[in-house]
Amino acid sequence: MARENKVDAALGALRKAIDGLENAIDMRIELQRENRDVEGEVRRVHADRARLAQELDQSEFRANRLEEVNREVSRRLVTAMETIRAVLDR
């Protein structure tokens, strides 16, 4: 009988250890799943950042080009006004 009690106790301890191991495995799998989700989100954020940086660069280029065109138009308007003034003064 004492031997059966020891075997039962050992089996109980083994079952408890196996249950603990299964719980640890389940937690590990869930953690890995969450990590994959986070990694996917980080990749999406990096892709969005790269796209936004490219759009910003393009917008800055267009803004600089518009400034150049604006200066050229202003210069031409000044030249035209001076020419008109010169013609009217004659």
Protein backbone atom coordinates (compact mmCIF):
# COMPACT_ATOMS: atom_id res chain seq x y z
CA MET A 1 0.00 0.00 0.00
CA ALA A 2 2.72 2.46 0.86
CA ARG A 3 4.28 1.78 -2.50
CA GLU A 4 0.96 2.51 -4.27
CA ASN A 5 0.68 5.79 -2.37
CA LYS A 6 4.17 6.75 -3.49
CA VAL A 7 3.33 5.88 -7.10
CA ASP A 8 0.06 7.81 -6.88
CA ALA A 9 1.88 10.78 -5.38
CA ALA A 10 4.54 10.60 -8.08
CA LEU A 11 1.87 10.38 -10.79
CA GLY A 12 0.04 13.33 -9.24
CA ALA A 13 3.26 15.36 -9.20
CA LEU A 14 3.94 14.33 -12.80
CA ARG A 15 0.42 15.39 -13.87
CA LYS A 16 0.87 18.71 -12.06
CA ALA A 17 4.24 19.25 -13.77
CA ILE A 18 2.75 18.37 -17.16
CA ASP A 19 -0.17 20.78 -16.57
CA GLY A 20 2.31 23.50 -15.64
CA LEU A 21 4.35 22.77 -18.75
CA GLU A 22 1.23 22.89 -20.94
CA ASN A 23 0.25 26.22 -19.41
CA ALA A 24 3.75 27.58 -19.98
CA ILE A 25 3.64 26.41 -23.61
CA ASP A 26 0.22 28.01 -24.12
CA MET A 27 1.47 31.29 -22.66
CA ARG A 28 4.59 31.14 -24.84
CA ILE A 29 2.52 30.53 -27.98
CA GLU A 30 0.23 33.45 -27.10
CA LEU A 31 3.22 35.69 -26.44
CA GLN A 32 4.75 34.77 -29.80
CA ARG A 33 1.42 35.48 -31.51
CA GLU A 34 1.26 38.89 -29.83
CA ASN A 35 4.88 39.58 -30.81
CA ARG A 36 4.06 38.76 -34.45
CA ASP A 37 1.12 41.14 -34.27
CA VAL A 38 3.33 43.87 -32.83
CA GLU A 39 6.05 43.22 -35.40
CA GLY A 40 3.47 43.45 -38.17
CA GLU A 41 2.21 46.75 -36.78
CA VAL A 42 5.78 48.07 -36.54
CA ARG A 43 6.36 47.13 -40.19
CA ARG A 44 3.15 48.94 -41.17
CA VAL A 45 4.19 52.02 -39.19
CA HIS A 46 7.61 52.03 -40.87
CA ALA A 47 5.99 51.70 -44.30
CA ASP A 48 3.61 54.57 -43.49
CA ARG A 49 6.52 56.66 -42.26
CA ALA A 50 8.49 56.01 -45.44
CA ARG A 51 5.46 56.88 -47.59
CA LEU A 52 4.82 60.06 -45.61
CA ALA A 53 8.48 61.07 -45.81
CA GLN A 54 8.37 60.62 -49.59
CA GLU A 55 5.16 62.65 -49.84
CA LEU A 56 6.74 65.37 -47.69
CA ASP A 57 9.80 65.47 -49.94
CA GLN A 58 7.57 65.77 -52.99
CA SER A 59 5.52 68.52 -51.35
CA GLU A 60 8.65 70.43 -50.40
CA PHE A 61 9.93 70.11 -53.97
CA ARG A 62 6.62 71.44 -55.34
CA ALA A 63 6.61 74.28 -52.79
CA ASN A 64 10.16 75.26 -53.79
CA ARG A 65 9.23 75.10 -57.47
CA LEU A 66 6.18 77.29 -56.84
CA GLU A 67 8.38 79.82 -55.02
CA GLU A 68 10.72 79.92 -58.02
CA VAL A 69 7.83 80.36 -60.45
CA ASN A 70 6.31 83.02 -58.19
CA ARG A 71 9.59 84.98 -58.15
CA GLU A 72 9.84 84.72 -61.94
CA VAL A 73 6.24 85.91 -62.39
CA SER A 74 6.87 88.81 -60.00
CA ARG A 75 10.02 89.76 -61.89
CA ARG A 76 8.15 89.69 -65.20
CA LEU A 77 5.28 91.74 -63.76
CA VAL A 78 7.73 94.36 -62.52
CA THR A 79 9.38 94.44 -65.95
CA ALA A 80 5.99 94.75 -67.66
CA MET A 81 4.89 97.54 -65.30
CA GLU A 82 8.14 99.42 -65.90
CA THR A 83 7.70 99.01 -69.65
CA ILE A 84 4.10 100.26 -69.48
CA ARG A 85 5.16 103.19 -67.29
CA ALA A 86 7.95 104.04 -69.73
CA VAL A 87 5.53 103.95 -72.67
CA LEU A 88 2.99 106.10 -70.85
CA ASP A 89 5.66 108.62 -69.86
CA ARG A 90 6.58 109.24 -73.51
